[in-house]
Amino acid sequence: MNKRLLLFILGIGLASLVFADLGFYVSFNSHEHLKVFTNQYISDKSPTPSFWDMLIMLSSFEPNRQEFFIFGNISKGENVDIENGIWNTKKNALGMGYGKVLTLPISLRKFDVELRLDFSAGPFLNVFLSNQYTHVSGQLTNEVDDAGIFNNIQYGLYSTVRLRLVHFKKYFNSLAANLGLHFFMPFSNHEFNSDTVARYHLFKTFAFAGISF
């Protein structure tokens, strides 16, 4: 069996067995922001690249306790400035996260509606399983697409705001409809970077929809 598929299946099994509620979510919109960090300043990366991202997430959580999730991230970048060269990129990542959950109940008795608003946050880790680089212009640096495993690992903090419709009249009693926002704040460089002064972090925000039960 393919190792990636086996890892994904094991992750699903772990997530479904450890905690109480299981949710499956897919992003329908994303926003990316590439920032430059130095000891003197923080600024936007210039020239500004464009990105496209899709997030698929399986989350197992206990309201007011904890959350464990695994996720897949398919992303594309155009006109990304790496080592004084301009590149187009395509990446597939697999990762996981663990956080604390705060849940607020919302009741609309007049409409016979019950909602739950979840706030969760904690650390995450992901590995790029595949990287594709196309050199567009500027300096051609072989290390960009030959970088080792440590350049394919990203880590940082995540946060999620999730609204669950758990009851609507006679509907959604065992299945909840979900809408939310998921944010990744990385602590590691987005790409290979030989600059010892500047760090390049790609912040991602996803709007997602899904179900939980």
N, C-alpha and C. Protein backbone atom coordinates (compact mmCIF):
# COMPACT_ATOMS: atom_id res chain seq x y z
N MET A 1 0.84 -1.20 0.00
CA MET A 1 0.00 0.00 0.00
C MET A 1 0.88 1.25 0.00
N ASN A 2 0.46 2.27 -0.73
CA ASN A 2 1.18 3.53 -0.77
C ASN A 2 1.34 4.08 0.65
N LYS A 3 2.56 4.54 1.00
CA LYS A 3 2.85 5.00 2.35
C LYS A 3 2.00 6.21 2.72
N ARG A 4 1.78 7.10 1.75
CA ARG A 4 0.97 8.29 2.04
C ARG A 4 -0.46 7.89 2.37
N LEU A 5 -1.01 6.97 1.61
CA LEU A 5 -2.37 6.51 1.87
C LEU A 5 -2.47 5.82 3.21
N LEU A 6 -1.47 5.01 3.55
CA LEU A 6 -1.45 4.32 4.83
C LEU A 6 -1.40 5.32 5.98
N LEU A 7 -0.56 6.35 5.85
CA LEU A 7 -0.46 7.37 6.88
C LEU A 7 -1.78 8.11 7.05
N PHE A 8 -2.44 8.41 5.95
CA PHE A 8 -3.73 9.09 6.00
C PHE A 8 -4.79 8.23 6.69
N ILE A 9 -4.82 6.94 6.36
CA ILE A 9 -5.79 6.03 6.98
C ILE A 9 -5.54 5.90 8.47
N LEU A 10 -4.27 5.80 8.87
CA LEU A 10 -3.94 5.71 10.29
C LEU A 10 -4.35 6.98 11.02
N GLY A 11 -4.16 8.12 10.36
CA GLY A 11 -4.56 9.39 10.97
C GLY A 11 -6.05 9.47 11.18
N ILE A 12 -6.82 9.01 10.19
CA ILE A 12 -8.28 8.99 10.31
C ILE A 12 -8.70 8.07 11.47
N GLY A 13 -8.05 6.91 11.56
CA GLY A 13 -8.39 5.99 12.64
C GLY A 13 -8.10 6.59 14.01
N LEU A 14 -6.95 7.23 14.14
CA LEU A 14 -6.59 7.85 15.41
C LEU A 14 -7.55 8.97 15.76
N ALA A 15 -7.85 9.82 14.78
CA ALA A 15 -8.74 10.95 15.03
C ALA A 15 -10.14 10.49 15.41
N SER A 16 -10.61 9.42 14.80
CA SER A 16 -11.98 8.96 15.06
C SER A 16 -12.11 8.21 16.37
N LEU A 17 -11.01 7.68 16.90
CA LEU A 17 -11.08 6.88 18.12
C LEU A 17 -10.79 7.68 19.38
N VAL A 18 -9.98 8.71 19.28
CA VAL A 18 -9.50 9.37 20.48
C VAL A 18 -10.55 10.25 21.13
N PHE A 19 -11.26 11.06 20.33
CA PHE A 19 -12.16 12.05 20.91
C PHE A 19 -13.61 11.80 20.48
N ALA A 20 -14.49 12.68 20.89
CA ALA A 20 -15.92 12.41 20.81
C ALA A 20 -16.56 12.77 19.47
N ASP A 21 -16.37 14.00 18.99
CA ASP A 21 -17.05 14.47 17.79
C ASP A 21 -16.09 14.50 16.60
N LEU A 22 -16.58 14.04 15.48
CA LEU A 22 -15.75 13.97 14.29
C LEU A 22 -16.31 14.91 13.23
N GLY A 23 -15.44 15.74 12.63
CA GLY A 23 -15.87 16.66 11.60
C GLY A 23 -15.00 16.56 10.36
N PHE A 24 -15.64 16.77 9.21
CA PHE A 24 -14.93 16.77 7.93
C PHE A 24 -15.20 18.09 7.25
N TYR A 25 -14.12 18.81 6.84
CA TYR A 25 -14.26 20.16 6.32
C TYR A 25 -13.44 20.33 5.04
N VAL A 26 -13.95 21.16 4.15
CA VAL A 26 -13.26 21.51 2.90
C VAL A 26 -13.33 23.02 2.74
N SER A 27 -12.21 23.63 2.38
CA SER A 27 -12.19 25.09 2.20
C SER A 27 -12.82 25.46 0.86
N PHE A 28 -13.48 26.63 0.85
CA PHE A 28 -14.03 27.14 -0.40
C PHE A 28 -13.45 28.51 -0.76
N ASN A 29 -12.58 29.03 0.09
CA ASN A 29 -11.89 30.29 -0.21
C ASN A 29 -10.65 30.37 0.66
N SER A 30 -9.63 31.08 0.19
CA SER A 30 -8.40 31.22 0.96
C SER A 30 -7.77 32.58 0.71
N HIS A 31 -7.00 33.01 1.70
CA HIS A 31 -6.25 34.27 1.60
C HIS A 31 -4.84 34.02 2.13
N GLU A 32 -3.83 34.40 1.33
CA GLU A 32 -2.44 34.18 1.70
C GLU A 32 -1.70 35.51 1.79
N HIS A 33 -0.78 35.58 2.75
CA HIS A 33 -0.04 36.81 2.98
C HIS A 33 1.40 36.46 3.30
N LEU A 34 2.33 36.79 2.41
CA LEU A 34 3.75 36.49 2.60
C LEU A 34 4.44 37.68 3.26
N LYS A 35 4.99 37.45 4.47
CA LYS A 35 5.60 38.52 5.25
C LYS A 35 7.10 38.28 5.41
N VAL A 36 7.86 39.37 5.48
CA VAL A 36 9.30 39.34 5.71
C VAL A 36 9.57 39.80 7.14
N PHE A 37 10.31 38.98 7.90
CA PHE A 37 10.65 39.31 9.28
C PHE A 37 12.17 39.50 9.40
N THR A 38 12.59 40.63 9.95
CA THR A 38 13.99 40.86 10.31
C THR A 38 14.02 41.47 11.72
N ASN A 39 15.22 41.68 12.24
CA ASN A 39 15.34 42.30 13.56
C ASN A 39 14.92 43.77 13.54
N GLN A 40 14.92 44.39 12.35
CA GLN A 40 14.61 45.82 12.25
C GLN A 40 13.18 46.11 11.84
N TYR A 41 12.56 45.21 11.07
CA TYR A 41 11.24 45.53 10.53
C TYR A 41 10.49 44.26 10.14
N ILE A 42 9.17 44.45 9.93
CA ILE A 42 8.30 43.42 9.36
C ILE A 42 7.56 44.06 8.20
N SER A 43 7.60 43.43 7.03
CA SER A 43 6.98 44.03 5.86
C SER A 43 6.42 42.96 4.95
N ASP A 44 5.62 43.39 3.96
CA ASP A 44 5.12 42.48 2.94
C ASP A 44 6.25 42.13 1.97
N LYS A 45 6.21 40.91 1.44
CA LYS A 45 7.20 40.48 0.46
C LYS A 45 6.92 41.13 -0.87
N SER A 46 7.97 41.66 -1.48
CA SER A 46 7.85 42.30 -2.79
C SER A 46 8.90 41.71 -3.73
N PRO A 47 8.54 41.40 -4.99
CA PRO A 47 7.22 41.56 -5.61
C PRO A 47 6.19 40.61 -5.00
N THR A 48 4.94 41.02 -5.06
CA THR A 48 3.87 40.26 -4.41
C THR A 48 3.51 39.04 -5.24
N PRO A 49 3.67 37.82 -4.69
CA PRO A 49 3.27 36.62 -5.43
C PRO A 49 1.78 36.39 -5.29
N SER A 50 1.24 35.49 -6.09
CA SER A 50 -0.16 35.09 -5.96
C SER A 50 -0.20 33.60 -5.63
N PHE A 51 -1.17 33.22 -4.78
CA PHE A 51 -1.29 31.85 -4.33
C PHE A 51 -2.72 31.35 -4.51
N TRP A 52 -2.84 30.05 -4.64
CA TRP A 52 -4.12 29.35 -4.61
C TRP A 52 -3.97 28.17 -3.67
N ASP A 53 -4.91 28.02 -2.72
CA ASP A 53 -4.82 26.96 -1.72
C ASP A 53 -6.15 26.26 -1.55
N MET A 54 -6.08 24.97 -1.22
CA MET A 54 -7.26 24.21 -0.84
C MET A 54 -6.92 23.38 0.39
N LEU A 55 -7.76 23.45 1.39
CA LEU A 55 -7.55 22.74 2.65
C LEU A 55 -8.63 21.68 2.83
N ILE A 56 -8.22 20.46 3.15
CA ILE A 56 -9.12 19.37 3.49
C ILE A 56 -8.75 18.92 4.89
N MET A 57 -9.71 18.91 5.80
CA MET A 57 -9.38 18.69 7.21
C MET A 57 -10.35 17.71 7.86
N LEU A 58 -9.78 16.81 8.66
CA LEU A 58 -10.55 15.89 9.48
C LEU A 58 -10.24 16.21 10.93
N SER A 59 -11.25 16.61 11.69
CA SER A 59 -11.06 17.08 13.05
C SER A 59 -11.87 16.24 14.02
N SER A 60 -11.24 15.84 15.12
CA SER A 60 -11.93 15.16 16.19
C SER A 60 -11.79 16.01 17.44
N PHE A 61 -12.91 16.38 18.07
CA PHE A 61 -12.85 17.37 19.14
C PHE A 61 -13.89 17.08 20.22
N GLU A 62 -13.58 17.52 21.40
CA GLU A 62 -14.51 17.54 22.52
C GLU A 62 -14.77 18.98 22.88
N PRO A 63 -16.01 19.43 22.81
CA PRO A 63 -16.32 20.82 23.17
C PRO A 63 -15.79 21.16 24.57
N ASN A 64 -15.20 22.35 24.68
CA ASN A 64 -14.62 22.86 25.93
C ASN A 64 -13.44 22.03 26.43
N ARG A 65 -12.87 21.20 25.56
CA ARG A 65 -11.71 20.42 25.99
C ARG A 65 -10.57 20.53 24.96
N GLN A 66 -10.47 19.59 24.03
CA GLN A 66 -9.35 19.59 23.11
C GLN A 66 -9.78 19.16 21.71
N GLU A 67 -8.86 19.41 20.76
CA GLU A 67 -9.09 19.06 19.36
C GLU A 67 -7.82 18.45 18.78
N PHE A 68 -7.99 17.39 18.01
CA PHE A 68 -6.91 16.82 17.22
C PHE A 68 -7.37 16.76 15.78
N PHE A 69 -6.53 17.21 14.85
CA PHE A 69 -6.95 17.16 13.45
C PHE A 69 -5.77 16.81 12.55
N ILE A 70 -6.11 16.22 11.42
CA ILE A 70 -5.15 16.02 10.35
C ILE A 70 -5.67 16.77 9.13
N PHE A 71 -4.77 17.22 8.28
CA PHE A 71 -5.20 18.01 7.14
C PHE A 71 -4.31 17.75 5.93
N GLY A 72 -4.89 17.95 4.77
CA GLY A 72 -4.17 17.98 3.52
C GLY A 72 -4.28 19.37 2.92
N ASN A 73 -3.19 19.86 2.37
CA ASN A 73 -3.17 21.20 1.79
C ASN A 73 -2.59 21.11 0.38
N ILE A 74 -3.38 21.50 -0.60
CA ILE A 74 -2.93 21.57 -1.99
C ILE A 74 -2.76 23.05 -2.32
N SER A 75 -1.57 23.45 -2.73
CA SER A 75 -1.31 24.87 -2.94
C SER A 75 -0.49 25.10 -4.21
N LYS A 76 -0.73 26.26 -4.81
CA LYS A 76 0.02 26.69 -5.97
C LYS A 76 0.45 28.14 -5.76
N GLY A 77 1.65 28.45 -6.20
CA GLY A 77 2.15 29.82 -6.12
C GLY A 77 2.68 30.28 -7.47
N GLU A 78 2.42 31.54 -7.80
CA GLU A 78 2.90 32.11 -9.05
C GLU A 78 3.74 33.35 -8.74
N ASN A 79 4.86 33.46 -9.46
CA ASN A 79 5.77 34.61 -9.31
C ASN A 79 6.28 34.74 -7.87
N VAL A 80 6.72 33.60 -7.32
CA VAL A 80 7.27 33.58 -5.96
C VAL A 80 8.77 33.89 -6.04
N ASP A 81 9.20 34.89 -5.28
CA ASP A 81 10.60 35.31 -5.26
C ASP A 81 11.36 34.42 -4.28
N ILE A 82 12.27 33.57 -4.81
CA ILE A 82 13.08 32.67 -3.99
C ILE A 82 14.53 32.80 -4.42
N GLU A 83 15.40 33.20 -3.52
CA GLU A 83 16.84 33.29 -3.80
C GLU A 83 17.13 34.11 -5.05
N ASN A 84 16.49 35.28 -5.14
CA ASN A 84 16.69 36.22 -6.25
C ASN A 84 16.22 35.68 -7.60
N GLY A 85 15.39 34.68 -7.58
CA GLY A 85 14.78 34.16 -8.79
C GLY A 85 13.27 34.15 -8.64
N ILE A 86 12.55 34.14 -9.77
CA ILE A 86 11.10 34.08 -9.76
C ILE A 86 10.67 32.67 -10.18
N TRP A 87 9.79 32.06 -9.34
CA TRP A 87 9.40 30.67 -9.55
C TRP A 87 7.88 30.54 -9.48
N ASN A 88 7.36 29.52 -10.17
CA ASN A 88 6.01 29.02 -9.95
C ASN A 88 6.13 27.71 -9.18
N THR A 89 5.27 27.53 -8.19
CA THR A 89 5.38 26.36 -7.32
C THR A 89 4.06 25.62 -7.23
N LYS A 90 4.16 24.35 -6.90
CA LYS A 90 2.99 23.52 -6.61
C LYS A 90 3.39 22.55 -5.51
N LYS A 91 2.57 22.49 -4.43
CA LYS A 91 2.91 21.69 -3.27
C LYS A 91 1.70 20.90 -2.79
N ASN A 92 1.98 19.70 -2.27
CA ASN A 92 0.97 18.91 -1.57
C ASN A 92 1.52 18.61 -0.18
N ALA A 93 0.76 18.95 0.84
CA ALA A 93 1.23 18.81 2.22
C ALA A 93 0.26 17.95 3.02
N LEU A 94 0.82 17.25 4.01
CA LEU A 94 0.03 16.49 4.98
C LEU A 94 0.49 16.93 6.36
N GLY A 95 -0.46 17.24 7.24
CA GLY A 95 -0.07 17.73 8.55
C GLY A 95 -1.08 17.38 9.63
N MET A 96 -0.77 17.84 10.84
CA MET A 96 -1.64 17.61 11.98
C MET A 96 -1.51 18.76 12.96
N GLY A 97 -2.50 18.86 13.84
CA GLY A 97 -2.47 19.89 14.86
C GLY A 97 -3.22 19.44 16.10
N TYR A 98 -2.93 20.11 17.21
CA TYR A 98 -3.57 19.79 18.48
C TYR A 98 -3.82 21.09 19.22
N GLY A 99 -5.04 21.29 19.71
CA GLY A 99 -5.34 22.54 20.38
C GLY A 99 -6.41 22.41 21.44
N LYS A 100 -6.59 23.47 22.17
CA LYS A 100 -7.64 23.58 23.17
C LYS A 100 -8.89 24.20 22.53
N VAL A 101 -10.05 23.79 23.05
CA VAL A 101 -11.34 24.22 22.47
C VAL A 101 -12.17 24.93 23.54
N LEU A 102 -12.72 26.07 23.17
CA LEU A 102 -13.71 26.77 23.98
C LEU A 102 -15.00 26.80 23.19
N THR A 103 -16.10 26.32 23.78
CA THR A 103 -17.38 26.23 23.08
C THR A 103 -18.43 27.08 23.79
N LEU A 104 -19.12 27.89 23.00
CA LEU A 104 -20.21 28.72 23.52
C LEU A 104 -21.53 28.26 22.91
N PRO A 105 -22.52 27.91 23.74
CA PRO A 105 -23.84 27.53 23.21
C PRO A 105 -24.66 28.76 22.84
N ILE A 106 -25.36 28.67 21.72
CA ILE A 106 -26.25 29.75 21.27
C ILE A 106 -27.62 29.14 21.00
N SER A 107 -28.64 29.66 21.66
CA SER A 107 -29.98 29.12 21.52
C SER A 107 -30.93 30.19 21.00
N LEU A 108 -31.65 29.85 19.94
CA LEU A 108 -32.69 30.71 19.39
C LEU A 108 -34.01 29.96 19.53
N ARG A 109 -34.59 30.04 20.70
CA ARG A 109 -35.77 29.24 21.02
C ARG A 109 -36.96 29.55 20.12
N LYS A 110 -37.07 30.81 19.74
CA LYS A 110 -38.20 31.23 18.90
C LYS A 110 -38.23 30.47 17.58
N PHE A 111 -37.04 30.16 17.06
CA PHE A 111 -36.93 29.47 15.77
C PHE A 111 -36.58 27.99 15.95
N ASP A 112 -36.51 27.53 17.21
CA ASP A 112 -36.14 26.15 17.50
C ASP A 112 -34.78 25.80 16.89
N VAL A 113 -33.81 26.67 17.17
CA VAL A 113 -32.46 26.53 16.62
C VAL A 113 -31.44 26.46 17.76
N GLU A 114 -30.51 25.51 17.65
CA GLU A 114 -29.40 25.39 18.59
C GLU A 114 -28.09 25.46 17.81
N LEU A 115 -27.22 26.36 18.23
CA LEU A 115 -25.92 26.53 17.60
C LEU A 115 -24.81 26.35 18.62
N ARG A 116 -23.59 26.05 18.14
CA ARG A 116 -22.41 25.99 18.98
C ARG A 116 -21.30 26.77 18.28
N LEU A 117 -20.65 27.65 19.01
CA LEU A 117 -19.54 28.43 18.48
C LEU A 117 -18.27 27.96 19.15
N ASP A 118 -17.36 27.36 18.36
CA ASP A 118 -16.11 26.81 18.87
C ASP A 118 -14.94 27.72 18.53
N PHE A 119 -14.09 27.97 19.52
CA PHE A 119 -12.80 28.64 19.31
C PHE A 119 -11.71 27.65 19.70
N SER A 120 -10.77 27.39 18.81
CA SER A 120 -9.69 26.47 19.12
C SER A 120 -8.36 27.04 18.63
N ALA A 121 -7.27 26.66 19.31
CA ALA A 121 -5.95 27.14 18.95
C ALA A 121 -4.90 26.20 19.52
N GLY A 122 -3.75 26.14 18.84
CA GLY A 122 -2.66 25.29 19.30
C GLY A 122 -1.59 25.16 18.23
N PRO A 123 -0.63 24.26 18.42
CA PRO A 123 0.45 24.07 17.46
C PRO A 123 0.04 23.17 16.29
N PHE A 124 0.73 23.35 15.17
CA PHE A 124 0.54 22.46 14.02
C PHE A 124 1.89 22.13 13.41
N LEU A 125 1.91 21.04 12.64
CA LEU A 125 3.11 20.60 11.93
C LEU A 125 2.67 19.98 10.62
N ASN A 126 3.35 20.33 9.52
CA ASN A 126 3.04 19.67 8.26
C ASN A 126 4.31 19.41 7.46
N VAL A 127 4.22 18.43 6.57
CA VAL A 127 5.33 18.04 5.70
C VAL A 127 4.87 18.14 4.26
N PHE A 128 5.68 18.76 3.40
CA PHE A 128 5.38 18.81 1.98
C PHE A 128 5.77 17.47 1.37
N LEU A 129 4.77 16.71 0.93
CA LEU A 129 5.01 15.39 0.35
C LEU A 129 5.52 15.50 -1.08
N SER A 130 5.15 16.57 -1.76
CA SER A 130 5.64 16.78 -3.12
C SER A 130 5.84 18.27 -3.36
N ASN A 131 6.87 18.60 -4.09
CA ASN A 131 7.18 19.98 -4.46
C ASN A 131 7.50 20.02 -5.95
N GLN A 132 6.86 20.94 -6.66
CA GLN A 132 7.19 21.15 -8.06
C GLN A 132 7.56 22.61 -8.26
N TYR A 133 8.71 22.85 -8.87
CA TYR A 133 9.20 24.21 -9.09
C TYR A 133 9.44 24.44 -10.57
N THR A 134 8.96 25.56 -11.06
CA THR A 134 9.22 25.98 -12.44
C THR A 134 9.90 27.34 -12.40
N HIS A 135 11.13 27.40 -12.92
CA HIS A 135 11.87 28.66 -12.90
C HIS A 135 11.32 29.58 -13.98
N VAL A 136 10.98 30.80 -13.60
CA VAL A 136 10.40 31.76 -14.53
C VAL A 136 11.44 32.76 -15.02
N SER A 137 12.15 33.38 -14.09
CA SER A 137 13.15 34.38 -14.47
C SER A 137 14.09 34.62 -13.29
N GLY A 138 15.12 35.43 -13.53
CA GLY A 138 16.06 35.77 -12.48
C GLY A 138 17.08 34.67 -12.22
N GLN A 139 17.66 34.70 -11.04
CA GLN A 139 18.73 33.76 -10.69
C GLN A 139 18.19 32.34 -10.54
N LEU A 140 18.89 31.38 -11.14
CA LEU A 140 18.52 29.97 -11.03
C LEU A 140 19.38 29.32 -9.96
N THR A 141 18.78 28.95 -8.83
CA THR A 141 19.50 28.35 -7.72
C THR A 141 19.03 26.91 -7.55
N ASN A 142 19.95 25.96 -7.76
CA ASN A 142 19.57 24.55 -7.74
C ASN A 142 19.07 24.10 -6.38
N GLU A 143 19.55 24.74 -5.31
CA GLU A 143 19.14 24.32 -3.96
C GLU A 143 17.66 24.55 -3.70
N VAL A 144 17.02 25.38 -4.49
CA VAL A 144 15.60 25.67 -4.26
C VAL A 144 14.76 24.41 -4.36
N ASP A 145 14.96 23.62 -5.41
CA ASP A 145 14.16 22.40 -5.56
C ASP A 145 14.92 21.14 -5.16
N ASP A 146 16.16 21.29 -4.68
CA ASP A 146 16.93 20.14 -4.19
C ASP A 146 17.05 20.14 -2.68
N ALA A 147 16.31 21.02 -2.01
CA ALA A 147 16.43 21.15 -0.56
C ALA A 147 16.03 19.86 0.14
N GLY A 148 16.65 19.60 1.29
CA GLY A 148 16.40 18.38 2.05
C GLY A 148 15.09 18.42 2.82
N ILE A 149 14.89 17.35 3.62
CA ILE A 149 13.62 17.16 4.32
C ILE A 149 13.32 18.29 5.28
N PHE A 150 14.34 18.88 5.92
CA PHE A 150 14.08 19.92 6.91
C PHE A 150 13.51 21.19 6.29
N ASN A 151 13.75 21.40 5.00
CA ASN A 151 13.13 22.52 4.30
C ASN A 151 11.72 22.21 3.84
N ASN A 152 11.30 20.96 4.00
CA ASN A 152 9.94 20.56 3.62
C ASN A 152 9.02 20.42 4.84
N ILE A 153 9.50 20.79 6.00
CA ILE A 153 8.71 20.74 7.23
C ILE A 153 8.33 22.16 7.64
N GLN A 154 7.07 22.35 7.97
CA GLN A 154 6.62 23.63 8.49
C GLN A 154 5.90 23.43 9.82
N TYR A 155 6.00 24.42 10.68
CA TYR A 155 5.39 24.33 12.00
C TYR A 155 4.99 25.73 12.45
N GLY A 156 4.11 25.78 13.41
CA GLY A 156 3.65 27.07 13.91
C GLY A 156 2.41 26.91 14.76
N LEU A 157 1.55 27.92 14.75
CA LEU A 157 0.31 27.91 15.50
C LEU A 157 -0.88 28.03 14.56
N TYR A 158 -1.98 27.44 14.95
CA TYR A 158 -3.22 27.57 14.20
C TYR A 158 -4.31 28.11 15.11
N SER A 159 -5.34 28.65 14.52
CA SER A 159 -6.56 29.00 15.26
C SER A 159 -7.76 28.77 14.35
N THR A 160 -8.87 28.41 14.97
CA THR A 160 -10.09 28.11 14.23
C THR A 160 -11.30 28.71 14.94
N VAL A 161 -12.19 29.30 14.16
CA VAL A 161 -13.50 29.70 14.64
C VAL A 161 -14.52 28.91 13.82
N ARG A 162 -15.38 28.16 14.53
CA ARG A 162 -16.30 27.25 13.83
C ARG A 162 -17.69 27.41 14.42
N LEU A 163 -18.68 27.63 13.55
CA LEU A 163 -20.08 27.71 13.96
C LEU A 163 -20.79 26.45 13.52
N ARG A 164 -21.39 25.75 14.51
CA ARG A 164 -22.07 24.49 14.21
C ARG A 164 -23.57 24.64 14.43
N LEU A 165 -24.34 24.26 13.43
CA LEU A 165 -25.79 24.19 13.55
C LEU A 165 -26.13 22.77 13.99
N VAL A 166 -26.44 22.60 15.29
CA VAL A 166 -26.63 21.25 15.84
C VAL A 166 -28.10 20.85 15.91
N HIS A 167 -29.00 21.84 15.85
CA HIS A 167 -30.43 21.50 15.88
C HIS A 167 -31.23 22.59 15.18
N PHE A 168 -32.08 22.16 14.25
CA PHE A 168 -33.00 23.08 13.58
C PHE A 168 -34.33 22.36 13.39
N LYS A 169 -35.27 22.67 14.29
CA LYS A 169 -36.57 22.00 14.30
C LYS A 169 -36.35 20.49 14.41
N LYS A 170 -36.75 19.73 13.46
CA LYS A 170 -36.55 18.28 13.55
C LYS A 170 -35.29 17.83 12.81
N TYR A 171 -34.50 18.80 12.30
CA TYR A 171 -33.32 18.46 11.50
C TYR A 171 -32.04 18.62 12.32
N PHE A 172 -30.96 18.08 11.82
CA PHE A 172 -29.61 18.26 12.37
C PHE A 172 -29.50 17.82 13.83
N ASN A 173 -30.22 16.79 14.22
CA ASN A 173 -30.11 16.30 15.59
C ASN A 173 -28.90 15.40 15.80
N SER A 174 -28.50 14.69 14.78
CA SER A 174 -27.31 13.83 14.90
C SER A 174 -26.19 14.27 13.97
N LEU A 175 -26.50 15.18 13.06
CA LEU A 175 -25.50 15.68 12.11
C LEU A 175 -25.52 17.21 12.15
N ALA A 176 -24.36 17.81 12.31
CA ALA A 176 -24.27 19.27 12.42
C ALA A 176 -23.64 19.86 11.17
N ALA A 177 -24.23 20.95 10.67
CA ALA A 177 -23.64 21.70 9.56
C ALA A 177 -22.68 22.73 10.13
N ASN A 178 -21.52 22.91 9.45
CA ASN A 178 -20.45 23.75 9.97
C ASN A 178 -20.00 24.80 8.97
N LEU A 179 -19.71 25.99 9.46
CA LEU A 179 -19.02 27.03 8.71
C LEU A 179 -17.94 27.61 9.62
N GLY A 180 -16.81 28.02 9.03
CA GLY A 180 -15.77 28.56 9.89
C GLY A 180 -14.61 29.16 9.15
N LEU A 181 -13.65 29.65 9.94
CA LEU A 181 -12.38 30.20 9.46
C LEU A 181 -11.24 29.47 10.15
N HIS A 182 -10.22 29.13 9.37
CA HIS A 182 -9.04 28.44 9.90
C HIS A 182 -7.79 29.24 9.50
N PHE A 183 -6.93 29.51 10.48
CA PHE A 183 -5.77 30.37 10.25
C PHE A 183 -4.50 29.64 10.64
N PHE A 184 -3.48 29.69 9.74
CA PHE A 184 -2.15 29.14 10.01
C PHE A 184 -1.16 30.30 10.18
N MET A 185 -0.43 30.31 11.31
CA MET A 185 0.64 31.27 11.54
C MET A 185 1.96 30.49 11.66
N PRO A 186 2.74 30.40 10.59
CA PRO A 186 3.96 29.59 10.62
C PRO A 186 5.11 30.29 11.33
N PHE A 187 6.01 29.49 11.90
CA PHE A 187 7.23 29.99 12.50
C PHE A 187 8.46 29.66 11.65
N SER A 188 8.24 28.95 10.55
CA SER A 188 9.34 28.50 9.69
C SER A 188 9.24 29.17 8.32
N ASN A 189 10.37 29.19 7.61
CA ASN A 189 10.41 29.76 6.27
C ASN A 189 9.49 28.99 5.33
N HIS A 190 8.82 29.75 4.44
CA HIS A 190 7.93 29.09 3.50
C HIS A 190 8.71 28.31 2.44
N GLU A 191 9.85 28.82 2.01
CA GLU A 191 10.68 28.18 1.00
C GLU A 191 12.12 28.10 1.48
N PHE A 192 12.95 27.41 0.72
CA PHE A 192 14.37 27.40 0.99
C PHE A 192 14.89 28.83 1.07
N ASN A 193 15.69 29.13 2.09
CA ASN A 193 16.15 30.49 2.32
C ASN A 193 17.55 30.47 2.92
N SER A 194 18.51 31.00 2.18
CA SER A 194 19.89 31.06 2.67
C SER A 194 20.19 32.38 3.38
N ASP A 195 19.22 33.28 3.41
CA ASP A 195 19.39 34.57 4.07
C ASP A 195 19.37 34.37 5.59
N THR A 196 20.45 34.77 6.26
CA THR A 196 20.53 34.60 7.71
C THR A 196 19.88 35.75 8.47
N VAL A 197 19.46 36.78 7.76
CA VAL A 197 18.88 37.97 8.40
C VAL A 197 17.36 37.95 8.32
N ALA A 198 16.82 37.62 7.15
CA ALA A 198 15.37 37.70 6.92
C ALA A 198 14.73 36.31 6.95
N ARG A 199 13.50 36.27 7.43
CA ARG A 199 12.67 35.06 7.41
C ARG A 199 11.41 35.37 6.63
N TYR A 200 10.92 34.37 5.87
CA TYR A 200 9.77 34.57 5.00
C TYR A 200 8.66 33.62 5.44
N HIS A 201 7.61 34.18 6.04
CA HIS A 201 6.51 33.38 6.56
C HIS A 201 5.24 33.63 5.74
N LEU A 202 4.57 32.54 5.36
CA LEU A 202 3.34 32.64 4.58
C LEU A 202 2.15 32.36 5.49
N PHE A 203 1.38 33.40 5.79
CA PHE A 203 0.18 33.27 6.61
C PHE A 203 -1.00 32.88 5.71
N LYS A 204 -1.80 31.93 6.18
CA LYS A 204 -2.93 31.44 5.39
C LYS A 204 -4.21 31.48 6.21
N THR A 205 -5.27 31.96 5.59
CA THR A 205 -6.60 31.95 6.21
C THR A 205 -7.57 31.26 5.25
N PHE A 206 -8.31 30.28 5.77
CA PHE A 206 -9.24 29.52 4.95
C PHE A 206 -10.67 29.69 5.47
N ALA A 207 -11.60 29.90 4.56
CA ALA A 207 -13.02 29.79 4.88
C ALA A 207 -13.45 28.38 4.49
N PHE A 208 -14.12 27.67 5.42
CA PHE A 208 -14.45 26.28 5.14
C PHE A 208 -15.89 25.96 5.51
N ALA A 209 -16.37 24.87 4.94
CA ALA A 209 -17.70 24.34 5.27
C ALA A 209 -17.55 22.83 5.45
N GLY A 210 -18.46 22.26 6.22
CA GLY A 210 -18.37 20.82 6.43
C GLY A 210 -19.49 20.31 7.32
N ILE A 211 -19.30 19.07 7.79
CA ILE A 211 -20.25 18.43 8.68
C ILE A 211 -19.51 17.85 9.87
N SER A 212 -20.22 17.68 10.97
CA SER A 212 -19.67 16.98 12.13
C SER A 212 -20.77 16.15 12.76
N PHE A 213 -20.34 15.10 13.47
CA PHE A 213 -21.32 14.20 14.08
C PHE A 213 -20.71 13.50 15.29
